[in-house]
Amino acid sequence: MYMIIPINSRSQVIDVQREFNLLFPFLRLELFKHKHSYQGGSPKQEKLPPFLYLDDLGSNLPEQIIISENMTVQELEKFFEDRLGLHLQVFRKSGTLWLETTITDGWTLKQQNEHGMEISLAPGVRINQGDDQNEDRTRP
């Protein structure tokens, strides 16, 4: 399964986040000012506001972004970096928390979303499973 996200000069960060969340309800995209290191996290203070226009970021915007559920988090982050010049981090829902998928960047988006669903919907589950770090207690 894949999704097509239309992009234009009036597209905002939140538009991309909402479209992505339709296919992956247990994942969340966040855009940051600077690139993070491999399997590294991004500082919260560098998170871009949701109502920022993508065009204001100086990006060379395509007409659409095609995202496959078989892409790994690492591939998605690289795609956004290479094609759009945007620094992306994927978060996975874990109970009531959102965790950066730093250690599991090699997992596909489908695997990440399914794992988020299992953790978030399982009764009596421990919130912090230890497979990721840098918890983010904010909600989308």
N, C-alpha and C. Protein backbone atom coordinates (compact mmCIF):
# COMPACT_ATOMS: atom_id res chain seq x y z
N MET A 1 0.84 -1.17 0.00
CA MET A 1 0.00 0.00 0.00
C MET A 1 0.89 1.24 0.00
N TYR A 2 0.43 2.27 -0.67
CA TYR A 2 1.18 3.52 -0.69
C TYR A 2 0.22 4.69 -0.65
N MET A 3 0.77 5.86 -0.40
CA MET A 3 -0.05 7.07 -0.36
C MET A 3 0.62 8.15 -1.18
N ILE A 4 -0.19 9.05 -1.69
CA ILE A 4 0.30 10.20 -2.42
C ILE A 4 -0.12 11.45 -1.65
N ILE A 5 0.86 12.25 -1.28
CA ILE A 5 0.58 13.50 -0.57
C ILE A 5 0.83 14.65 -1.54
N PRO A 6 -0.21 15.40 -1.89
CA PRO A 6 -0.01 16.55 -2.78
C PRO A 6 0.71 17.68 -2.04
N ILE A 7 1.62 18.34 -2.75
CA ILE A 7 2.41 19.42 -2.17
C ILE A 7 2.34 20.63 -3.11
N ASN A 8 2.16 21.81 -2.52
CA ASN A 8 2.23 23.03 -3.32
C ASN A 8 2.75 24.16 -2.42
N SER A 9 2.81 25.36 -2.96
CA SER A 9 3.39 26.49 -2.22
C SER A 9 2.59 26.85 -0.96
N ARG A 10 1.34 26.43 -0.87
CA ARG A 10 0.52 26.73 0.30
C ARG A 10 0.44 25.55 1.28
N SER A 11 1.17 24.49 1.01
CA SER A 11 1.18 23.33 1.92
C SER A 11 1.92 23.69 3.20
N GLN A 12 1.35 23.26 4.31
CA GLN A 12 1.96 23.49 5.61
C GLN A 12 2.46 22.17 6.18
N VAL A 13 3.32 22.26 7.18
CA VAL A 13 3.83 21.07 7.86
C VAL A 13 2.66 20.20 8.30
N ILE A 14 1.64 20.79 8.87
CA ILE A 14 0.50 20.03 9.39
C ILE A 14 -0.25 19.27 8.29
N ASP A 15 -0.24 19.79 7.07
CA ASP A 15 -0.91 19.10 5.96
C ASP A 15 -0.23 17.76 5.69
N VAL A 16 1.09 17.76 5.66
CA VAL A 16 1.85 16.52 5.44
C VAL A 16 1.64 15.58 6.61
N GLN A 17 1.65 16.11 7.83
CA GLN A 17 1.46 15.28 9.03
C GLN A 17 0.09 14.60 9.01
N ARG A 18 -0.94 15.34 8.67
CA ARG A 18 -2.30 14.78 8.67
C ARG A 18 -2.46 13.70 7.61
N GLU A 19 -1.96 13.96 6.41
CA GLU A 19 -2.06 12.96 5.34
C GLU A 19 -1.32 11.68 5.72
N PHE A 20 -0.12 11.82 6.26
CA PHE A 20 0.68 10.67 6.68
C PHE A 20 -0.07 9.88 7.75
N ASN A 21 -0.68 10.59 8.69
CA ASN A 21 -1.36 9.96 9.81
C ASN A 21 -2.61 9.20 9.39
N LEU A 22 -3.18 9.53 8.23
CA LEU A 22 -4.34 8.77 7.74
C LEU A 22 -3.97 7.33 7.44
N LEU A 23 -2.79 7.11 6.87
CA LEU A 23 -2.34 5.76 6.55
C LEU A 23 -1.64 5.09 7.73
N PHE A 24 -0.97 5.89 8.54
CA PHE A 24 -0.20 5.36 9.67
C PHE A 24 -0.66 6.04 10.96
N PRO A 25 -1.79 5.61 11.52
CA PRO A 25 -2.35 6.29 12.70
C PRO A 25 -1.52 6.15 13.97
N PHE A 26 -0.58 5.21 14.01
CA PHE A 26 0.25 5.04 15.20
C PHE A 26 1.65 5.60 15.00
N LEU A 27 1.81 6.39 13.93
CA LEU A 27 3.08 7.07 13.65
C LEU A 27 2.81 8.56 13.52
N ARG A 28 3.84 9.34 13.76
CA ARG A 28 3.73 10.79 13.64
C ARG A 28 5.01 11.34 13.02
N LEU A 29 4.86 12.26 12.09
CA LEU A 29 6.01 12.93 11.48
C LEU A 29 6.23 14.26 12.18
N GLU A 30 7.48 14.58 12.41
CA GLU A 30 7.85 15.91 12.89
C GLU A 30 9.00 16.40 12.02
N LEU A 31 8.99 17.68 11.72
CA LEU A 31 10.06 18.30 10.95
C LEU A 31 10.90 19.15 11.88
N PHE A 32 12.22 19.15 11.63
CA PHE A 32 13.16 19.84 12.49
C PHE A 32 14.07 20.77 11.68
N LYS A 33 14.65 21.74 12.37
CA LYS A 33 15.53 22.72 11.72
C LYS A 33 16.80 22.08 11.19
N HIS A 34 17.34 21.11 11.92
CA HIS A 34 18.61 20.50 11.54
C HIS A 34 18.49 18.98 11.43
N LYS A 35 19.38 18.42 10.66
CA LYS A 35 19.44 16.97 10.47
C LYS A 35 19.96 16.31 11.75
N HIS A 36 19.43 15.13 12.05
CA HIS A 36 19.93 14.38 13.20
C HIS A 36 20.92 13.33 12.72
N SER A 37 21.76 12.84 13.62
CA SER A 37 22.73 11.81 13.26
C SER A 37 22.03 10.46 13.10
N TYR A 38 22.73 9.51 12.49
CA TYR A 38 22.18 8.17 12.30
C TYR A 38 21.80 7.59 13.65
N GLN A 39 20.58 7.11 13.76
CA GLN A 39 20.00 6.56 14.99
C GLN A 39 20.05 7.55 16.15
N GLY A 40 20.11 8.83 15.82
CA GLY A 40 20.11 9.86 16.85
C GLY A 40 18.78 10.57 16.91
N GLY A 41 18.53 11.21 18.02
CA GLY A 41 17.29 11.94 18.19
C GLY A 41 17.44 13.40 17.79
N SER A 42 16.33 14.09 17.78
CA SER A 42 16.30 15.52 17.45
C SER A 42 15.83 16.30 18.67
N PRO A 43 16.51 17.41 18.99
CA PRO A 43 16.09 18.22 20.15
C PRO A 43 14.70 18.83 19.94
N LYS A 44 13.88 18.79 20.97
CA LYS A 44 12.51 19.33 20.89
C LYS A 44 12.49 20.80 20.48
N GLN A 45 13.47 21.56 20.95
CA GLN A 45 13.48 22.99 20.66
C GLN A 45 13.73 23.29 19.18
N GLU A 46 14.14 22.29 18.39
CA GLU A 46 14.36 22.49 16.96
C GLU A 46 13.17 22.06 16.11
N LYS A 47 12.10 21.61 16.76
CA LYS A 47 10.91 21.17 16.03
C LYS A 47 10.26 22.37 15.35
N LEU A 48 9.89 22.18 14.07
CA LEU A 48 9.24 23.25 13.32
C LEU A 48 7.75 23.30 13.66
N PRO A 49 7.18 24.50 13.70
CA PRO A 49 5.76 24.63 14.03
C PRO A 49 4.87 24.03 12.93
N PRO A 50 3.72 23.48 13.31
CA PRO A 50 2.86 22.79 12.35
C PRO A 50 2.26 23.69 11.27
N PHE A 51 2.12 24.98 11.55
CA PHE A 51 1.48 25.86 10.57
C PHE A 51 2.47 26.62 9.70
N LEU A 52 3.73 26.19 9.72
CA LEU A 52 4.76 26.77 8.87
C LEU A 52 4.55 26.27 7.44
N TYR A 53 4.62 27.19 6.48
CA TYR A 53 4.48 26.80 5.07
C TYR A 53 5.77 26.15 4.59
N LEU A 54 5.64 25.03 3.89
CA LEU A 54 6.81 24.32 3.37
C LEU A 54 7.60 25.21 2.42
N ASP A 55 6.90 26.05 1.67
CA ASP A 55 7.54 26.96 0.74
C ASP A 55 8.48 27.94 1.46
N ASP A 56 8.15 28.30 2.70
CA ASP A 56 8.98 29.21 3.48
C ASP A 56 10.30 28.58 3.92
N LEU A 57 10.38 27.27 3.81
CA LEU A 57 11.60 26.57 4.20
C LEU A 57 12.63 26.56 3.08
N GLY A 58 12.28 27.16 1.94
CA GLY A 58 13.20 27.22 0.82
C GLY A 58 13.33 25.90 0.09
N SER A 59 12.36 25.05 0.26
CA SER A 59 12.41 23.73 -0.35
C SER A 59 12.04 23.80 -1.82
N ASN A 60 12.64 22.93 -2.60
CA ASN A 60 12.25 22.76 -4.00
C ASN A 60 11.14 21.72 -4.00
N LEU A 61 9.91 22.18 -3.93
CA LEU A 61 8.79 21.28 -3.70
C LEU A 61 8.32 20.57 -4.97
N PRO A 62 8.20 19.25 -4.91
CA PRO A 62 7.58 18.52 -6.02
C PRO A 62 6.07 18.70 -5.94
N GLU A 63 5.36 18.19 -6.92
CA GLU A 63 3.90 18.30 -6.89
C GLU A 63 3.27 17.29 -5.95
N GLN A 64 4.00 16.23 -5.65
CA GLN A 64 3.47 15.20 -4.76
C GLN A 64 4.61 14.41 -4.14
N ILE A 65 4.29 13.77 -3.04
CA ILE A 65 5.22 12.86 -2.37
C ILE A 65 4.54 11.50 -2.35
N ILE A 66 5.25 10.47 -2.78
CA ILE A 66 4.71 9.11 -2.76
C ILE A 66 5.43 8.34 -1.65
N ILE A 67 4.64 7.81 -0.72
CA ILE A 67 5.18 7.08 0.42
C ILE A 67 4.59 5.67 0.43
N SER A 68 5.48 4.68 0.49
CA SER A 68 5.06 3.27 0.54
C SER A 68 5.16 2.75 1.96
N GLU A 69 4.25 1.86 2.32
CA GLU A 69 4.32 1.25 3.66
C GLU A 69 5.54 0.36 3.81
N ASN A 70 6.18 0.00 2.68
CA ASN A 70 7.37 -0.84 2.72
C ASN A 70 8.67 -0.04 2.83
N MET A 71 8.57 1.28 2.81
CA MET A 71 9.75 2.12 3.03
C MET A 71 10.17 1.98 4.49
N THR A 72 11.47 2.00 4.73
CA THR A 72 11.93 2.04 6.11
C THR A 72 11.89 3.49 6.59
N VAL A 73 11.93 3.67 7.88
CA VAL A 73 11.98 5.02 8.44
C VAL A 73 13.21 5.74 7.90
N GLN A 74 14.32 5.04 7.85
CA GLN A 74 15.56 5.64 7.34
C GLN A 74 15.40 6.09 5.89
N GLU A 75 14.74 5.29 5.06
CA GLU A 75 14.51 5.67 3.66
C GLU A 75 13.60 6.89 3.56
N LEU A 76 12.57 6.93 4.39
CA LEU A 76 11.66 8.08 4.38
C LEU A 76 12.39 9.35 4.79
N GLU A 77 13.19 9.26 5.84
CA GLU A 77 13.95 10.42 6.30
C GLU A 77 14.92 10.90 5.22
N LYS A 78 15.57 9.96 4.56
CA LYS A 78 16.52 10.31 3.48
C LYS A 78 15.78 10.93 2.30
N PHE A 79 14.62 10.40 1.96
CA PHE A 79 13.82 10.94 0.86
C PHE A 79 13.46 12.41 1.14
N PHE A 80 12.97 12.69 2.34
CA PHE A 80 12.60 14.07 2.69
C PHE A 80 13.82 14.98 2.66
N GLU A 81 14.96 14.46 3.11
CA GLU A 81 16.20 15.25 3.12
C GLU A 81 16.67 15.53 1.68
N ASP A 82 16.76 14.48 0.87
CA ASP A 82 17.30 14.61 -0.49
C ASP A 82 16.37 15.36 -1.43
N ARG A 83 15.10 15.05 -1.42
CA ARG A 83 14.14 15.62 -2.37
C ARG A 83 13.57 16.96 -1.94
N LEU A 84 13.40 17.14 -0.63
CA LEU A 84 12.73 18.35 -0.15
C LEU A 84 13.62 19.25 0.70
N GLY A 85 14.77 18.74 1.10
CA GLY A 85 15.64 19.51 1.98
C GLY A 85 15.06 19.67 3.38
N LEU A 86 14.17 18.74 3.76
CA LEU A 86 13.50 18.81 5.06
C LEU A 86 14.05 17.74 6.00
N HIS A 87 14.20 18.08 7.25
CA HIS A 87 14.76 17.17 8.25
C HIS A 87 13.61 16.56 9.03
N LEU A 88 13.41 15.28 8.83
CA LEU A 88 12.25 14.57 9.33
C LEU A 88 12.64 13.60 10.44
N GLN A 89 11.75 13.42 11.40
CA GLN A 89 11.88 12.39 12.42
C GLN A 89 10.52 11.72 12.56
N VAL A 90 10.52 10.39 12.61
CA VAL A 90 9.28 9.63 12.79
C VAL A 90 9.16 9.25 14.26
N PHE A 91 7.97 9.44 14.81
CA PHE A 91 7.64 9.04 16.17
C PHE A 91 6.62 7.92 16.11
N ARG A 92 6.71 6.98 17.06
CA ARG A 92 5.75 5.88 17.13
C ARG A 92 4.99 5.97 18.46
N LYS A 93 3.70 5.75 18.39
CA LYS A 93 2.86 5.77 19.59
C LYS A 93 3.20 4.56 20.45
N SER A 94 3.36 4.81 21.73
CA SER A 94 3.65 3.75 22.69
C SER A 94 2.81 4.03 23.93
N GLY A 95 1.60 3.48 23.93
CA GLY A 95 0.67 3.79 25.02
C GLY A 95 0.21 5.23 24.88
N THR A 96 0.55 6.06 25.87
CA THR A 96 0.18 7.48 25.82
C THR A 96 1.34 8.37 25.41
N LEU A 97 2.49 7.78 25.12
CA LEU A 97 3.68 8.54 24.74
C LEU A 97 3.95 8.41 23.24
N TRP A 98 4.75 9.33 22.73
CA TRP A 98 5.26 9.24 21.37
C TRP A 98 6.78 9.13 21.47
N LEU A 99 7.36 8.05 20.91
CA LEU A 99 8.80 7.81 20.99
C LEU A 99 9.43 7.98 19.61
N GLU A 100 10.60 8.62 19.58
CA GLU A 100 11.34 8.70 18.33
C GLU A 100 11.80 7.30 17.95
N THR A 101 11.69 6.97 16.69
CA THR A 101 12.08 5.64 16.22
C THR A 101 13.55 5.63 15.85
N THR A 102 14.40 5.89 16.80
CA THR A 102 15.82 6.02 16.51
C THR A 102 16.50 4.67 16.30
N ILE A 103 16.33 3.76 17.21
CA ILE A 103 17.01 2.46 17.13
C ILE A 103 16.35 1.57 16.08
N THR A 104 15.08 1.79 15.81
CA THR A 104 14.34 0.94 14.86
C THR A 104 14.13 1.63 13.51
N ASP A 105 15.05 2.51 13.12
CA ASP A 105 14.93 3.20 11.83
C ASP A 105 14.99 2.26 10.64
N GLY A 106 15.49 1.04 10.84
CA GLY A 106 15.55 0.05 9.77
C GLY A 106 14.24 -0.68 9.55
N TRP A 107 13.26 -0.47 10.42
CA TRP A 107 11.95 -1.10 10.25
C TRP A 107 11.16 -0.36 9.18
N THR A 108 10.26 -1.09 8.53
CA THR A 108 9.37 -0.44 7.56
C THR A 108 8.32 0.38 8.30
N LEU A 109 7.70 1.30 7.58
CA LEU A 109 6.62 2.10 8.17
C LEU A 109 5.48 1.20 8.62
N LYS A 110 5.23 0.15 7.85
CA LYS A 110 4.17 -0.79 8.21
C LYS A 110 4.50 -1.48 9.53
N GLN A 111 5.75 -1.95 9.68
CA GLN A 111 6.17 -2.61 10.92
C GLN A 111 6.07 -1.65 12.11
N GLN A 112 6.52 -0.42 11.90
CA GLN A 112 6.47 0.58 12.97
C GLN A 112 5.03 0.82 13.41
N ASN A 113 4.14 1.00 12.43
CA ASN A 113 2.74 1.29 12.73
C ASN A 113 2.09 0.11 13.46
N GLU A 114 2.36 -1.11 12.99
CA GLU A 114 1.79 -2.30 13.63
C GLU A 114 2.29 -2.44 15.06
N HIS A 115 3.59 -2.16 15.27
CA HIS A 115 4.15 -2.26 16.61
C HIS A 115 3.52 -1.20 17.53
N GLY A 116 3.33 0.00 17.00
CA GLY A 116 2.67 1.05 17.76
C GLY A 116 1.26 0.66 18.15
N MET A 117 0.55 0.01 17.24
CA MET A 117 -0.81 -0.43 17.52
C MET A 117 -0.80 -1.50 18.61
N GLU A 118 0.11 -2.48 18.50
CA GLU A 118 0.20 -3.55 19.49
C GLU A 118 0.48 -2.99 20.88
N ILE A 119 1.44 -2.08 20.96
CA ILE A 119 1.82 -1.51 22.25
C ILE A 119 0.70 -0.64 22.83
N SER A 120 0.09 0.15 21.97
CA SER A 120 -0.91 1.12 22.43
C SER A 120 -2.25 0.51 22.77
N LEU A 121 -2.60 -0.59 22.14
CA LEU A 121 -3.91 -1.19 22.35
C LEU A 121 -3.90 -2.39 23.27
N ALA A 122 -2.71 -2.89 23.62
CA ALA A 122 -2.62 -4.07 24.49
C ALA A 122 -2.94 -3.67 25.93
N PRO A 123 -3.80 -4.43 26.62
CA PRO A 123 -4.12 -4.11 28.01
C PRO A 123 -2.94 -4.39 28.93
N GLY A 124 -2.71 -3.48 29.87
CA GLY A 124 -1.67 -3.68 30.88
C GLY A 124 -0.26 -3.65 30.35
N VAL A 125 -0.03 -3.04 29.22
CA VAL A 125 1.31 -3.02 28.63
C VAL A 125 2.19 -1.99 29.33
N ARG A 126 3.47 -2.30 29.41
CA ARG A 126 4.43 -1.32 29.92
C ARG A 126 4.63 -0.26 28.85
N ILE A 127 4.63 0.98 29.23
CA ILE A 127 4.73 2.08 28.28
C ILE A 127 6.10 2.13 27.61
N ASN A 128 7.18 2.10 28.38
CA ASN A 128 8.51 2.21 27.80
C ASN A 128 9.10 0.83 27.63
N GLN A 129 9.12 0.35 26.40
CA GLN A 129 9.61 -0.98 26.10
C GLN A 129 11.13 -1.03 25.94
N GLY A 130 11.79 0.13 25.87
CA GLY A 130 13.24 0.14 25.79
C GLY A 130 13.79 -0.02 24.39
N ASP A 131 12.93 -0.09 23.36
CA ASP A 131 13.45 -0.26 22.01
C ASP A 131 13.75 1.07 21.33
N ASP A 132 13.29 2.15 21.90
CA ASP A 132 13.55 3.48 21.38
C ASP A 132 13.87 4.40 22.54
N GLN A 133 14.25 5.62 22.21
CA GLN A 133 14.61 6.57 23.25
C GLN A 133 14.01 7.92 22.95
N ASN A 134 14.32 8.89 23.79
CA ASN A 134 13.88 10.27 23.60
C ASN A 134 12.37 10.38 23.54
N GLU A 135 11.72 10.00 24.60
CA GLU A 135 10.26 10.07 24.60
C GLU A 135 9.79 11.50 24.46
N ASP A 136 8.69 11.64 23.79
CA ASP A 136 8.06 12.95 23.58
C ASP A 136 6.65 12.84 24.12
N ARG A 137 6.33 13.58 25.14
CA ARG A 137 5.03 13.47 25.79
C ARG A 137 3.98 14.37 25.13
N THR A 138 4.33 15.00 24.03
CA THR A 138 3.34 15.84 23.35
C THR A 138 2.42 14.98 22.51
N ARG A 139 1.30 15.54 22.17
CA ARG A 139 0.32 14.83 21.34
C ARG A 139 0.16 15.58 20.04
N PRO A 140 -0.21 14.85 18.95
CA PRO A 140 -0.34 15.54 17.65
C PRO A 140 -1.51 16.49 17.63
